[in-house]
Every structure is written in structure tokens, then in C-alpha cells.
PDB file of N, CA and C in Angstrom:
ATOM      1  N   UNK A   1      46.096  32.284 183.783  1.00  0.00           N
ATOM      2  CA  UNK A   1      46.790  33.335 184.504  1.00  0.00           C
ATOM      3  C   UNK A   1      47.819  33.965 183.565  1.00  0.00           C
ATOM      4  N   UNK A   2      47.867  35.279 183.555  1.00  0.00           N
ATOM      5  CA  UNK A   2      48.811  35.962 182.685  1.00  0.00           C
ATOM      6  C   UNK A   2      50.141  36.179 183.395  1.00  0.00           C
ATOM      7  N   UNK A   3      51.194  36.311 182.599  1.00  0.00           N
ATOM      8  CA  UNK A   3      52.534  36.571 183.123  1.00  0.00           C
ATOM      9  C   UNK A   3      52.904  38.017 182.853  1.00  0.00           C
ATOM     10  N   UNK A   4      53.387  38.691 183.885  1.00  0.00           N
ATOM     11  CA  UNK A   4      53.793  40.089 183.787  1.00  0.00           C
ATOM     12  C   UNK A   4      55.238  40.198 184.267  1.00  0.00           C
ATOM     13  N   UNK A   5      56.086  40.813 183.453  1.00  0.00           N
ATOM     14  CA  UNK A   5      57.456  41.127 183.856  1.00  0.00           C
ATOM     15  C   UNK A   5      57.480  42.608 184.201  1.00  0.00           C
ATOM     16  N   UNK A   6      57.773  42.919 185.455  1.00  0.00           N
ATOM     17  CA  UNK A   6      57.728  44.304 185.936  1.00  0.00           C
ATOM     18  C   UNK A   6      59.111  44.931 185.768  1.00  0.00           C
ATOM     19  N   UNK A   7      59.130  46.084 185.122  1.00  0.00           N
ATOM     20  CA  UNK A   7      60.375  46.807 184.873  1.00  0.00           C
ATOM     21  C   UNK A   7      60.857  47.507 186.143  1.00  0.00           C
ATOM     22  N   UNK A   8      62.105  47.844 186.131  1.00  0.00           N
ATOM     23  CA  UNK A   8      62.792  48.440 187.273  1.00  0.00           C
ATOM     24  C   UNK A   8      62.099  49.707 187.766  1.00  0.00           C
ATOM     25  N   UNK A   9      61.680  50.573 186.856  1.00  0.00           N
ATOM     26  CA  UNK A   9      61.106  51.860 187.263  1.00  0.00           C
ATOM     27  C   UNK A   9      59.877  51.689 188.140  1.00  0.00           C
ATOM     28  N   UNK A  10      59.066  50.696 187.854  1.00  0.00           N
ATOM     29  CA  UNK A  10      57.863  50.473 188.650  1.00  0.00           C
ATOM     30  C   UNK A  10      58.231  50.050 190.070  1.00  0.00           C
ATOM     31  N   UNK A  11      59.201  49.158 190.194  1.00  0.00           N
ATOM     32  CA  UNK A  11      59.611  48.702 191.528  1.00  0.00           C
ATOM     33  C   UNK A  11      60.282  49.817 192.316  1.00  0.00           C
ATOM     34  N   UNK A  12      61.064  50.635 191.658  1.00  0.00           N
ATOM     35  CA  UNK A  12      61.685  51.775 192.348  1.00  0.00           C
ATOM     36  C   UNK A  12      60.609  52.729 192.861  1.00  0.00           C
ATOM     37  N   UNK A  13      59.613  53.015 192.032  1.00  0.00           N
ATOM     38  CA  UNK A  13      58.537  53.901 192.485  1.00  0.00           C
ATOM     39  C   UNK A  13      57.741  53.288 193.624  1.00  0.00           C
ATOM     40  N   UNK A  14      57.555  51.972 193.598  1.00  0.00           N
ATOM     41  CA  UNK A  14      56.912  51.291 194.723  1.00  0.00           C
ATOM     42  C   UNK A  14      57.735  51.495 195.994  1.00  0.00           C
ATOM     43  N   UNK A  15      59.030  51.262 195.903  1.00  0.00           N
ATOM     44  CA  UNK A  15      59.910  51.400 197.072  1.00  0.00           C
ATOM     45  C   UNK A  15      59.970  52.840 197.577  1.00  0.00           C
ATOM     46  N   UNK A  16      59.734  53.791 196.697  1.00  0.00           N
ATOM     47  CA  UNK A  16      59.701  55.212 197.087  1.00  0.00           C
ATOM     48  C   UNK A  16      58.344  55.625 197.640  1.00  0.00           C
ATOM     49  N   UNK A  17      57.431  54.676 197.735  1.00  0.00           N
ATOM     50  CA  UNK A  17      56.132  54.964 198.338  1.00  0.00           C
ATOM     51  C   UNK A  17      55.110  55.568 197.409  1.00  0.00           C
ATOM     52  N   UNK A  18      55.297  55.463 196.114  1.00  0.00           N
ATOM     53  CA  UNK A  18      54.346  56.035 195.153  1.00  0.00           C
ATOM     54  C   UNK A  18      53.077  55.180 195.120  1.00  0.00           C
ATOM     55  N   UNK A  19      51.951  55.816 195.382  1.00  0.00           N
ATOM     56  CA  UNK A  19      50.670  55.108 195.476  1.00  0.00           C
ATOM     57  C   UNK A  19      50.297  54.414 194.173  1.00  0.00           C
ATOM     58  N   UNK A  20      50.568  55.034 193.029  1.00  0.00           N
ATOM     59  CA  UNK A  20      50.203  54.429 191.751  1.00  0.00           C
ATOM     60  C   UNK A  20      50.989  53.143 191.510  1.00  0.00           C
ATOM     61  N   UNK A  21      52.247  53.108 191.910  1.00  0.00           N
ATOM     62  CA  UNK A  21      53.055  51.891 191.770  1.00  0.00           C
ATOM     63  C   UNK A  21      52.507  50.800 192.686  1.00  0.00           C
ATOM     64  N   UNK A  22      52.186  51.169 193.916  1.00  0.00           N
ATOM     65  CA  UNK A  22      51.608  50.205 194.867  1.00  0.00           C
ATOM     66  C   UNK A  22      50.298  49.640 194.330  1.00  0.00           C
ATOM     67  N   UNK A  23      49.427  50.522 193.860  1.00  0.00           N
ATOM     68  CA  UNK A  23      48.128  50.092 193.356  1.00  0.00           C
ATOM     69  C   UNK A  23      48.280  49.167 192.148  1.00  0.00           C
ATOM     70  N   UNK A  24      49.227  49.499 191.266  1.00  0.00           N
ATOM     71  CA  UNK A  24      49.443  48.646 190.095  1.00  0.00           C
ATOM     72  C   UNK A  24      49.909  47.254 190.522  1.00  0.00           C
ATOM     73  N   UNK A  25      50.904  47.179 191.395  1.00  0.00           N
ATOM     74  CA  UNK A  25      51.416  45.871 191.819  1.00  0.00           C
ATOM     75  C   UNK A  25      50.342  45.067 192.554  1.00  0.00           C
ATOM     76  N   UNK A  26      49.561  45.731 193.374  1.00  0.00           N
ATOM     77  CA  UNK A  26      48.476  45.032 194.074  1.00  0.00           C
ATOM     78  C   UNK A  26      47.423  44.509 193.097  1.00  0.00           C
ATOM     79  N   UNK A  27      47.194  45.239 192.014  1.00  0.00           N
ATOM     80  CA  UNK A  27      46.201  44.809 191.029  1.00  0.00           C
ATOM     81  C   UNK A  27      46.620  43.531 190.306  1.00  0.00           C
ATOM     82  N   UNK A  28      47.902  43.232 190.311  1.00  0.00           N
ATOM     83  CA  UNK A  28      48.402  42.032 189.634  1.00  0.00           C
ATOM     84  C   UNK A  28      48.274  40.775 190.485  1.00  0.00           C
ATOM     85  N   UNK A  29      48.140  40.949 191.777  1.00  0.00           N
ATOM     86  CA  UNK A  29      48.237  39.833 192.712  1.00  0.00           C
ATOM     87  C   UNK A  29      47.223  38.718 192.462  1.00  0.00           C
ATOM     88  N   UNK A  30      46.030  39.051 192.027  1.00  0.00           N
ATOM     89  CA  UNK A  30      44.980  38.049 191.922  1.00  0.00           C
ATOM     90  C   UNK A  30      45.014  37.221 190.654  1.00  0.00           C
ATOM     91  N   UNK A  31      45.409  37.826 189.538  1.00  0.00           N
ATOM     92  CA  UNK A  31      45.272  37.099 188.272  1.00  0.00           C
ATOM     93  C   UNK A  31      46.541  37.050 187.430  1.00  0.00           C
ATOM     94  N   UNK A  32      47.691  37.309 188.036  1.00  0.00           N
ATOM     95  CA  UNK A  32      48.932  37.331 187.267  1.00  0.00           C
ATOM     96  C   UNK A  32      50.058  36.630 188.012  1.00  0.00           C
ATOM     97  N   UNK A  33      50.959  36.076 187.238  1.00  0.00           N
ATOM     98  CA  UNK A  33      52.227  35.630 187.774  1.00  0.00           C
ATOM     99  C   UNK A  33      53.199  36.775 187.521  1.00  0.00           C
ATOM    100  N   UNK A  34      53.768  37.313 188.581  1.00  0.00           N
ATOM    101  CA  UNK A  34      54.590  38.521 188.485  1.00  0.00           C
ATOM    102  C   UNK A  34      56.069  38.144 188.552  1.00  0.00           C
ATOM    103  N   UNK A  35      56.803  38.642 187.576  1.00  0.00           N
ATOM    104  CA  UNK A  35      58.238  38.402 187.483  1.00  0.00           C
ATOM    105  C   UNK A  35      58.992  39.714 187.492  1.00  0.00           C
ATOM    106  N   UNK A  36      60.256  39.638 187.878  1.00  0.00           N
ATOM    107  CA  UNK A  36      61.213  40.683 187.551  1.00  0.00           C
ATOM    108  C   UNK A  36      62.502  39.975 187.154  1.00  0.00           C
ATOM    109  N   UNK A  37      63.306  40.664 186.405  1.00  0.00           N
ATOM    110  CA  UNK A  37      64.556  40.099 185.911  1.00  0.00           C
ATOM    111  C   UNK A  37      65.666  40.256 186.946  1.00  0.00           C
ATOM    112  N   UNK A  38      66.634  39.358 186.914  1.00  0.00           N
ATOM    113  CA  UNK A  38      67.813  39.550 187.767  1.00  0.00           C
ATOM    114  C   UNK A  38      68.525  40.848 187.408  1.00  0.00           C
ATOM    115  N   UNK A  39      68.355  41.319 186.189  1.00  0.00           N
ATOM    116  CA  UNK A  39      68.925  42.615 185.784  1.00  0.00           C
ATOM    117  C   UNK A  39      68.270  43.726 186.605  1.00  0.00           C
ATOM    118  N   UNK A  40      66.973  43.632 186.812  1.00  0.00           N
ATOM    119  CA  UNK A  40      66.256  44.587 187.654  1.00  0.00           C
ATOM    120  C   UNK A  40      66.773  44.540 189.083  1.00  0.00           C
ATOM    121  N   UNK A  41      67.006  43.344 189.592  1.00  0.00           N
ATOM    122  CA  UNK A  41      67.561  43.206 190.942  1.00  0.00           C
ATOM    123  C   UNK A  41      68.879  43.968 191.037  1.00  0.00           C
ATOM    124  N   UNK A  42      69.748  43.795 190.059  1.00  0.00           N
ATOM    125  CA  UNK A  42      71.046  44.484 190.064  1.00  0.00           C
ATOM    126  C   UNK A  42      70.862  45.997 189.986  1.00  0.00           C
ATOM    127  N   UNK A  43      69.946  46.449 189.128  1.00  0.00           N
ATOM    128  CA  UNK A  43      69.706  47.894 188.998  1.00  0.00           C
ATOM    129  C   UNK A  43      69.190  48.479 190.313  1.00  0.00           C
ATOM    130  N   UNK A  44      68.293  47.778 190.969  1.00  0.00           N
ATOM    131  CA  UNK A  44      67.751  48.279 192.238  1.00  0.00           C
ATOM    132  C   UNK A  44      68.834  48.324 193.308  1.00  0.00           C
ATOM    133  N   UNK A  45      69.611  47.255 193.431  1.00  0.00           N
ATOM    134  CA  UNK A  45      70.666  47.229 194.443  1.00  0.00           C
ATOM    135  C   UNK A  45      71.752  48.265 194.160  1.00  0.00           C
ATOM    136  N   UNK A  46      71.965  48.601 192.905  1.00  0.00           N
ATOM    137  CA  UNK A  46      72.972  49.611 192.559  1.00  0.00           C
ATOM    138  C   UNK A  46      72.615  50.985 193.117  1.00  0.00           C
ATOM    139  N   UNK A  47      71.306  51.266 193.249  1.00  0.00           N
ATOM    140  CA  UNK A  47      70.897  52.570 193.743  1.00  0.00           C
ATOM    141  C   UNK A  47      70.337  52.567 195.153  1.00  0.00           C
ATOM    142  N   UNK A  48      70.333  51.412 195.792  1.00  0.00           N
ATOM    143  CA  UNK A  48      69.728  51.259 197.113  1.00  0.00           C
ATOM    144  C   UNK A  48      70.632  51.821 198.207  1.00  0.00           C
ATOM    145  N   UNK A  49      69.991  52.458 199.180  1.00  0.00           N
ATOM    146  CA  UNK A  49      70.715  52.870 200.382  1.00  0.00           C
ATOM    147  C   UNK A  49      70.588  51.754 201.416  1.00  0.00           C
ATOM    148  N   UNK A  50      71.544  51.683 202.323  1.00  0.00           N
ATOM    149  CA  UNK A  50      71.565  50.587 203.292  1.00  0.00           C
ATOM    150  C   UNK A  50      70.282  50.515 204.115  1.00  0.00           C
ATOM    151  N   UNK A  51      69.719  51.665 204.495  1.00  0.00           N
ATOM    152  CA  UNK A  51      68.499  51.632 205.307  1.00  0.00           C
ATOM    153  C   UNK A  51      67.278  51.153 204.512  1.00  0.00           C
ATOM    154  N   UNK A  52      67.413  51.021 203.205  1.00  0.00           N
ATOM    155  CA  UNK A  52      66.318  50.534 202.358  1.00  0.00           C
ATOM    156  C   UNK A  52      66.397  49.029 202.091  1.00  0.00           C
ATOM    157  N   UNK A  53      67.435  48.404 202.593  1.00  0.00           N
ATOM    158  CA  UNK A  53      67.715  47.001 202.267  1.00  0.00           C
ATOM    159  C   UNK A  53      66.555  46.067 202.608  1.00  0.00           C
ATOM    160  N   UNK A  54      66.042  46.125 203.818  1.00  0.00           N
ATOM    161  CA  UNK A  54      65.013  45.150 204.223  1.00  0.00           C
ATOM    162  C   UNK A  54      63.754  45.285 203.388  1.00  0.00           C
ATOM    163  N   UNK A  55      63.293  46.495 203.174  1.00  0.00           N
ATOM    164  CA  UNK A  55      62.098  46.702 202.354  1.00  0.00           C
ATOM    165  C   UNK A  55      62.337  46.202 200.924  1.00  0.00           C
ATOM    166  N   UNK A  56      63.525  46.436 200.411  1.00  0.00           N
ATOM    167  CA  UNK A  56      63.872  45.993 199.062  1.00  0.00           C
ATOM    168  C   UNK A  56      63.884  44.467 198.981  1.00  0.00           C
ATOM    169  N   UNK A  57      64.529  43.836 199.942  1.00  0.00           N
ATOM    170  CA  UNK A  57      64.592  42.374 199.976  1.00  0.00           C
ATOM    171  C   UNK A  57      63.192  41.784 200.105  1.00  0.00           C
ATOM    172  N   UNK A  58      62.360  42.370 200.956  1.00  0.00           N
ATOM    173  CA  UNK A  58      60.989  41.882 201.128  1.00  0.00           C
ATOM    174  C   UNK A  58      60.212  41.949 199.818  1.00  0.00           C
ATOM    175  N   UNK A  59      60.337  43.055 199.100  1.00  0.00           N
ATOM    176  CA  UNK A  59      59.644  43.200 197.816  1.00  0.00           C
ATOM    177  C   UNK A  59      60.131  42.145 196.828  1.00  0.00           C
ATOM    178  N   UNK A  60      61.429  42.015 196.692  1.00  0.00           N
ATOM    179  CA  UNK A  60      61.979  41.063 195.727  1.00  0.00           C
ATOM    180  C   UNK A  60      61.649  39.627 196.100  1.00  0.00           C
ATOM    181  N   UNK A  61      61.592  39.332 197.399  1.00  0.00           N
ATOM    182  CA  UNK A  61      61.222  37.985 197.845  1.00  0.00           C
ATOM    183  C   UNK A  61      59.782  37.635 197.482  1.00  0.00           C
ATOM    184  N   UNK A  62      58.952  38.645 197.255  1.00  0.00           N
ATOM    185  CA  UNK A  62      57.553  38.397 196.914  1.00  0.00           C
ATOM    186  C   UNK A  62      57.343  38.149 195.422  1.00  0.00           C
ATOM    187  N   UNK A  63      58.413  38.239 194.657  1.00  0.00           N
ATOM    188  CA  UNK A  63      58.309  38.114 193.207  1.00  0.00           C
ATOM    189  C   UNK A  63      59.029  36.869 192.709  1.00  0.00           C
ATOM    190  N   UNK A  64      58.695  36.482 191.493  1.00  0.00           N
ATOM    191  CA  UNK A  64      59.429  35.439 190.796  1.00  0.00           C
ATOM    192  C   UNK A  64      60.598  36.126 190.086  1.00  0.00           C
ATOM    193  N   UNK A  65      61.803  35.720 190.408  1.00  0.00           N
ATOM    194  CA  UNK A  65      62.986  36.338 189.806  1.00  0.00           C
ATOM    195  C   UNK A  65      63.409  35.486 188.612  1.00  0.00           C
ATOM    196  N   UNK A  66      63.418  36.102 187.441  1.00  0.00           N
ATOM    197  CA  UNK A  66      63.808  35.406 186.217  1.00  0.00           C
ATOM    198  C   UNK A  66      65.314  35.557 186.018  1.00  0.00           C
ATOM    199  N   UNK A  67      65.989  34.421 185.957  1.00  0.00           N
ATOM    200  CA  UNK A  67      67.434  34.438 185.749  1.00  0.00           C
ATOM    201  C   UNK A  67      67.748  34.581 184.263  1.00  0.00           C
ATOM    202  N   UNK A  68      68.980  34.928 183.983  1.00  0.00           N
ATOM    203  CA  UNK A  68      69.416  35.045 182.597  1.00  0.00           C
ATOM    204  C   UNK A  68      69.927  33.684 182.136  1.00  0.00           C
ATOM    205  N   UNK A  69      69.274  33.162 181.140  1.00  0.00           N
ATOM    206  CA  UNK A  69      69.690  31.912 180.522  1.00  0.00           C
ATOM    207  C   UNK A  69      70.443  32.227 179.235  1.00  0.00           C
ATOM    208  N   UNK A  70      71.039  31.226 178.659  1.00  0.00           N
ATOM    209  CA  UNK A  70      71.715  31.442 177.386  1.00  0.00           C
ATOM    210  C   UNK A  70      70.722  31.929 176.333  1.00  0.00           C
ATOM    211  N   UNK A  71      69.519  31.368 176.332  1.00  0.00           N
ATOM    212  CA  UNK A  71      68.496  31.775 175.370  1.00  0.00           C
ATOM    213  C   UNK A  71      68.148  33.261 175.521  1.00  0.00           C
ATOM    214  N   UNK A  72      68.025  33.716 176.755  1.00  0.00           N
ATOM    215  CA  UNK A  72      67.749  35.132 177.008  1.00  0.00           C
ATOM    216  C   UNK A  72      68.937  35.985 176.574  1.00  0.00           C
ATOM    217  N   UNK A  73      70.141  35.544 176.898  1.00  0.00           N
ATOM    218  CA  UNK A  73      71.341  36.303 176.521  1.00  0.00           C
ATOM    219  C   UNK A  73      71.465  36.422 175.002  1.00  0.00           C
ATOM    220  N   UNK A  74      71.195  35.345 174.295  1.00  0.00           N
ATOM    221  CA  UNK A  74      71.267  35.396 172.827  1.00  0.00           C
ATOM    222  C   UNK A  74      70.226  36.361 172.259  1.00  0.00           C
ATOM    223  N   UNK A  75      69.013  36.304 172.789  1.00  0.00           N
ATOM    224  CA  UNK A  75      67.954  37.205 172.309  1.00  0.00           C
ATOM    225  C   UNK A  75      68.308  38.655 172.626  1.00  0.00           C
ATOM    226  N   UNK A  76      68.864  38.906 173.815  1.00  0.00           N
ATOM    227  CA  UNK A  76      69.283  40.267 174.178  1.00  0.00           C
ATOM    228  C   UNK A  76      70.349  40.768 173.209  1.00  0.00           C
ATOM    229  N   UNK A  77      71.313  39.927 172.891  1.00  0.00           N
ATOM    230  CA  UNK A  77      72.350  40.308 171.930  1.00  0.00           C
ATOM    231  C   UNK A  77      71.780  40.612 170.561  1.00  0.00           C
ATOM    232  N   UNK A  78      70.782  39.840 170.154  1.00  0.00           N
ATOM    233  CA  UNK A  78      70.142  40.098 168.854  1.00  0.00           C
ATOM    234  C   UNK A  78      69.386  41.419 168.880  1.00  0.00           C
ATOM    235  N   UNK A  79      68.696  41.704 169.984  1.00  0.00           N
ATOM    236  CA  UNK A  79      68.024  43.003 170.089  1.00  0.00           C
ATOM    237  C   UNK A  79      69.038  44.135 169.953  1.00  0.00           C
ATOM    238  N   UNK A  80      70.147  44.021 170.664  1.00  0.00           N
ATOM    239  CA  UNK A  80      71.163  45.081 170.652  1.00  0.00           C
ATOM    240  C   UNK A  80      71.749  45.262 169.259  1.00  0.00           C
ATOM    241  N   UNK A  81      72.000  44.165 168.580  1.00  0.00           N
ATOM    242  CA  UNK A  81      72.638  44.274 167.267  1.00  0.00           C
ATOM    243  C   UNK A  81      71.685  44.666 166.141  1.00  0.00           C
ATOM    244  N   UNK A  82      70.391  44.400 166.299  1.00  0.00           N
ATOM    245  CA  UNK A  82      69.435  44.656 165.221  1.00  0.00           C
ATOM    246  C   UNK A  82      68.558  45.884 165.427  1.00  0.00           C
ATOM    247  N   UNK A  83      68.657  46.520 166.556  1.00  0.00           N
ATOM    248  CA  UNK A  83      67.829  47.699 166.819  1.00  0.00           C
ATOM    249  C   UNK A  83      68.646  48.939 166.535  1.00  0.00           C
ATOM    250  N   UNK A  84      68.085  49.816 165.764  1.00  0.00           N
ATOM    251  CA  UNK A  84      68.814  51.005 165.293  1.00  0.00           C
ATOM    252  C   UNK A  84      68.917  52.135 166.314  1.00  0.00           C
ATOM    253  N   UNK A  85      68.205  52.024 167.402  1.00  0.00           N
ATOM    254  CA  UNK A  85      68.233  53.082 168.412  1.00  0.00           C
ATOM    255  C   UNK A  85      69.623  53.190 169.035  1.00  0.00           C
ATOM    256  N   UNK A  86      70.222  54.360 168.948  1.00  0.00           N
ATOM    257  CA  UNK A  86      71.560  54.575 169.495  1.00  0.00           C
ATOM    258  C   UNK A  86      71.585  54.472 171.016  1.00  0.00           C
ATOM    259  N   UNK A  87      70.470  54.833 171.663  1.00  0.00           N
ATOM    260  CA  UNK A  87      70.437  54.861 173.112  1.00  0.00           C
ATOM    261  C   UNK A  87      69.992  53.558 173.757  1.00  0.00           C
ATOM    262  N   UNK A  88      69.829  52.511 172.958  1.00  0.00           N
ATOM    263  CA  UNK A  88      69.361  51.243 173.501  1.00  0.00           C
ATOM    264  C   UNK A  88      70.433  50.622 174.389  1.00  0.00           C
ATOM    265  N   UNK A  89      70.096  50.446 175.659  1.00  0.00           N
ATOM    266  CA  UNK A  89      71.038  49.906 176.636  1.00  0.00           C
ATOM    267  C   UNK A  89      70.935  48.384 176.674  1.00  0.00           C
ATOM    268  N   UNK A  90      72.068  47.739 176.916  1.00  0.00           N
ATOM    269  CA  UNK A  90      72.094  46.285 176.959  1.00  0.00           C
ATOM    270  C   UNK A  90      71.212  45.740 178.089  1.00  0.00           C
ATOM    271  N   UNK A  91      71.165  46.452 179.235  1.00  0.00           N
ATOM    272  CA  UNK A  91      70.313  45.960 180.324  1.00  0.00           C
ATOM    273  C   UNK A  91      68.836  45.935 179.908  1.00  0.00           C
ATOM    274  N   UNK A  92      68.399  46.923 179.139  1.00  0.00           N
ATOM    275  CA  UNK A  92      67.025  46.918 178.645  1.00  0.00           C
ATOM    276  C   UNK A  92      66.808  45.784 177.642  1.00  0.00           C
ATOM    277  N   UNK A  93      67.826  45.471 176.863  1.00  0.00           N
ATOM    278  CA  UNK A  93      67.734  44.330 175.943  1.00  0.00           C
ATOM    279  C   UNK A  93      67.555  43.031 176.712  1.00  0.00           C
ATOM    280  N   UNK A  94      68.264  42.881 177.835  1.00  0.00           N
ATOM    281  CA  UNK A  94      68.100  41.683 178.664  1.00  0.00           C
ATOM    282  C   UNK A  94      66.688  41.597 179.240  1.00  0.00           C
ATOM    283  N   UNK A  95      66.162  42.713 179.704  1.00  0.00           N
ATOM    284  CA  UNK A  95      64.813  42.719 180.273  1.00  0.00           C
ATOM    285  C   UNK A  95      63.787  42.389 179.189  1.00  0.00           C
ATOM    286  N   UNK A  96      63.925  42.991 178.017  1.00  0.00           N
ATOM    287  CA  UNK A  96      63.011  42.697 176.909  1.00  0.00           C
ATOM    288  C   UNK A  96      63.111  41.230 176.490  1.00  0.00           C
ATOM    289  N   UNK A  97      64.318  40.710 176.426  1.00  0.00           N
ATOM    290  CA  UNK A  97      64.510  39.313 176.042  1.00  0.00           C
ATOM    291  C   UNK A  97      63.882  38.373 177.067  1.00  0.00           C
ATOM    292  N   UNK A  98      63.949  38.753 178.322  1.00  0.00           N
ATOM    293  CA  UNK A  98      63.319  37.952 179.371  1.00  0.00           C
ATOM    294  C   UNK A  98      61.810  37.912 179.157  1.00  0.00           C
ATOM    295  N   UNK A  99      61.213  39.058 178.861  1.00  0.00           N
ATOM    296  CA  UNK A  99      59.773  39.091 178.580  1.00  0.00           C
ATOM    297  C   UNK A  99      59.444  38.212 177.381  1.00  0.00           C
ATOM    298  N   UNK A 100      60.266  38.285 176.351  1.00  0.00           N
ATOM    299  CA  UNK A 100      60.035  37.492 175.149  1.00  0.00           C
ATOM    300  C   UNK A 100      60.070  35.993 175.463  1.00  0.00           C
ATOM    301  N   UNK A 101      61.114  35.548 176.144  1.00  0.00           N
ATOM    302  CA  UNK A 101      61.281  34.120 176.435  1.00  0.00           C
ATOM    303  C   UNK A 101      60.197  33.619 177.390  1.00  0.00           C
ATOM    304  N   UNK A 102      59.827  34.440 178.369  1.00  0.00           N
ATOM    305  CA  UNK A 102      58.762  34.048 179.309  1.00  0.00           C
ATOM    306  C   UNK A 102      57.368  34.168 178.693  1.00  0.00           C
ATOM    307  N   UNK A 103      57.291  34.804 177.517  1.00  0.00           N
ATOM    308  CA  UNK A 103      56.009  35.135 176.907  1.00  0.00           C
ATOM    309  C   UNK A 103      55.164  35.958 177.874  1.00  0.00           C
ATOM    310  N   UNK A 104      55.832  36.894 178.519  1.00  0.00           N
ATOM    311  CA  UNK A 104      55.199  37.764 179.502  1.00  0.00           C
ATOM    312  C   UNK A 104      55.004  39.155 178.908  1.00  0.00           C
ATOM    313  N   UNK A 105      54.028  39.852 179.428  1.00  0.00           N
ATOM    314  CA  UNK A 105      53.837  41.257 179.075  1.00  0.00           C
ATOM    315  C   UNK A 105      54.797  42.079 179.923  1.00  0.00           C
ATOM    316  N   UNK A 106      55.522  42.982 179.282  1.00  0.00           N
ATOM    317  CA  UNK A 106      56.455  43.857 179.985  1.00  0.00           C
ATOM    318  C   UNK A 106      55.703  45.090 180.463  1.00  0.00           C
ATOM    319  N   UNK A 107      55.650  45.282 181.769  1.00  0.00           N
ATOM    320  CA  UNK A 107      55.016  46.455 182.364  1.00  0.00           C
ATOM    321  C   UNK A 107      56.112  47.463 182.667  1.00  0.00           C
ATOM    322  N   UNK A 108      56.025  48.636 182.059  1.00  0.00           N
ATOM    323  CA  UNK A 108      57.068  49.640 182.207  1.00  0.00           C
ATOM    324  C   UNK A 108      56.491  51.046 182.121  1.00  0.00           C
ATOM    325  N   UNK A 109      57.148  51.955 182.762  1.00  0.00           N
ATOM    326  CA  UNK A 109      56.829  53.368 182.610  1.00  0.00           C
ATOM    327  C   UNK A 109      57.698  54.005 181.545  1.00  0.00           C
ATOM    328  N   UNK A 110      58.655  53.244 181.012  1.00  0.00           N
ATOM    329  CA  UNK A 110      59.628  53.750 180.036  1.00  0.00           C
ATOM    330  C   UNK A 110      59.524  52.994 178.720  1.00  0.00           C
ATOM    331  N   UNK A 111      58.361  53.046 178.082  1.00  0.00           N
ATOM    332  CA  UNK A 111      58.145  52.286 176.851  1.00  0.00           C
ATOM    333  C   UNK A 111      59.161  52.635 175.765  1.00  0.00           C
ATOM    334  N   UNK A 112      59.671  53.860 175.767  1.00  0.00           N
ATOM    335  CA  UNK A 112      60.650  54.249 174.737  1.00  0.00           C
ATOM    336  C   UNK A 112      61.958  53.469 174.874  1.00  0.00           C
ATOM    337  N   UNK A 113      62.210  52.878 176.035  1.00  0.00           N
ATOM    338  CA  UNK A 113      63.402  52.055 176.225  1.00  0.00           C
ATOM    339  C   UNK A 113      63.270  50.699 175.536  1.00  0.00           C
ATOM    340  N   UNK A 114      62.069  50.382 175.078  1.00  0.00           N
ATOM    341  CA  UNK A 114      61.785  49.062 174.531  1.00  0.00           C
ATOM    342  C   UNK A 114      61.134  49.169 173.147  1.00  0.00           C
ATOM    343  N   UNK A 115      61.917  49.478 172.115  1.00  0.00           N
ATOM    344  CA  UNK A 115      61.360  49.628 170.767  1.00  0.00           C
ATOM    345  C   UNK A 115      61.050  48.294 170.076  1.00  0.00           C
ATOM    346  N   UNK A 116      61.323  47.190 170.740  1.00  0.00           N
ATOM    347  CA  UNK A 116      61.120  45.874 170.146  1.00  0.00           C
ATOM    348  C   UNK A 116      59.634  45.675 169.822  1.00  0.00           C
ATOM    349  N   UNK A 117      59.364  45.103 168.660  1.00  0.00           N
ATOM    350  CA  UNK A 117      57.964  44.919 168.288  1.00  0.00           C
ATOM    351  C   UNK A 117      57.488  43.478 168.451  1.00  0.00           C
ATOM    352  N   UNK A 118      58.327  42.614 169.001  1.00  0.00           N
ATOM    353  CA  UNK A 118      57.920  41.223 169.181  1.00  0.00           C
ATOM    354  C   UNK A 118      57.619  40.872 170.641  1.00  0.00           C
ATOM    355  N   UNK A 119      57.481  41.893 171.492  1.00  0.00           N
ATOM    356  CA  UNK A 119      57.060  41.665 172.870  1.00  0.00           C
ATOM    357  C   UNK A 119      55.817  42.501 173.158  1.00  0.00           C
ATOM    358  N   UNK A 120      54.979  41.993 174.049  1.00  0.00           N
ATOM    359  CA  UNK A 120      53.823  42.757 174.502  1.00  0.00           C
ATOM    360  C   UNK A 120      54.268  43.687 175.613  1.00  0.00           C
ATOM    361  N   UNK A 121      53.817  44.926 175.543  1.00  0.00           N
ATOM    362  CA  UNK A 121      54.177  45.936 176.547  1.00  0.00           C
ATOM    363  C   UNK A 121      52.913  46.654 176.997  1.00  0.00           C
ATOM    364  N   UNK A 122      52.924  47.030 178.262  1.00  0.00           N
ATOM    365  CA  UNK A 122      51.919  47.962 178.753  1.00  0.00           C
ATOM    366  C   UNK A 122      52.660  49.103 179.422  1.00  0.00           C
ATOM    367  N   UNK A 123      52.216  50.300 179.130  1.00  0.00           N
ATOM    368  CA  UNK A 123      52.803  51.477 179.771  1.00  0.00           C
ATOM    369  C   UNK A 123      52.057  51.743 181.057  1.00  0.00           C
ATOM    370  N   UNK A 124      52.808  51.858 182.142  1.00  0.00           N
ATOM    371  CA  UNK A 124      52.223  52.048 183.459  1.00  0.00           C
ATOM    372  C   UNK A 124      52.780  53.347 184.034  1.00  0.00           C
ATOM    373  N   UNK A 125      51.888  54.266 184.370  1.00  0.00           N
ATOM    374  CA  UNK A 125      52.302  55.512 185.012  1.00  0.00           C
ATOM    375  C   UNK A 125      52.274  55.266 186.514  1.00  0.00           C
ATOM    376  N   UNK A 126      53.452  55.380 187.155  1.00  0.00           N
ATOM    377  CA  UNK A 126      53.533  55.054 188.579  1.00  0.00           C
ATOM    378  C   UNK A 126      54.072  56.202 189.414  1.00  0.00           C
ATOM    379  N   UNK A 127      54.197  57.358 188.833  1.00  0.00           N
ATOM    380  CA  UNK A 127      54.720  58.491 189.616  1.00  0.00           C
ATOM    381  C   UNK A 127      53.603  59.401 190.049  1.00  0.00           C
TER     382      UNK A 127
END
């Protein structure tokens, strides 16, 4: 079984009712262990409206939530310090580091946010 770490953008598009996001997540159900980072949880809750709470909680409850360990934090810090991209955000470094430590493929619609070459990525169009 393969491990997939789903990026924030895919889950947001799912919550917005985008069919491509729904279809992608459903396609993972049979042969993948699906994760999201606690960083993703924070990003989603930061933009969530109160009437969206139950649907959001239900979605997150269906996933494996990867916590930030010291190993992930150290790897995220190394990504931030060694990557030359000026726009590289620390939250994206945490998500990439989580994929690295879990040995999971990072599924994202924003591949440019992840210039790291030591993680597997798949670009997913969900809009």
C-alpha cells in the first residue's frame, strides 16, 4: 500500500465541492494510506467559516493526521535554510518534511511551492 500526503489545496477544493478533488480523494481509498499534516489542519481551520465546521471535521476525521515531530521540524528547518527560493514558506517546508519522513508521495496542486528534490510529488489538478 502506498502512502500519500495530501496538500492543503486539495482538501480545500474538496470542501468547496470540486468534483476533481472528490474524485482524486476517492481514487486513493482502495490502495493508499492517506495522510495530511497538522499544518494542513491549521491552514484549513484558519480559513474555515463556522457553518463549514462539521464537514471539515468529518473530512479530517477520515484521514491519518501526521503530527510534527522533532525529526520533521529539523528537516523543515533544513529545507528553509538550504532552498534558495525567496518565496518558500515555512509551512510548506513542514509539509514537505512530513512527506519525506513518512516516505509518502506529496499530492499537491501547487508543485512550485515544493522545489525539494528529495521527495516524491504528484501534481493534482482539482479545480
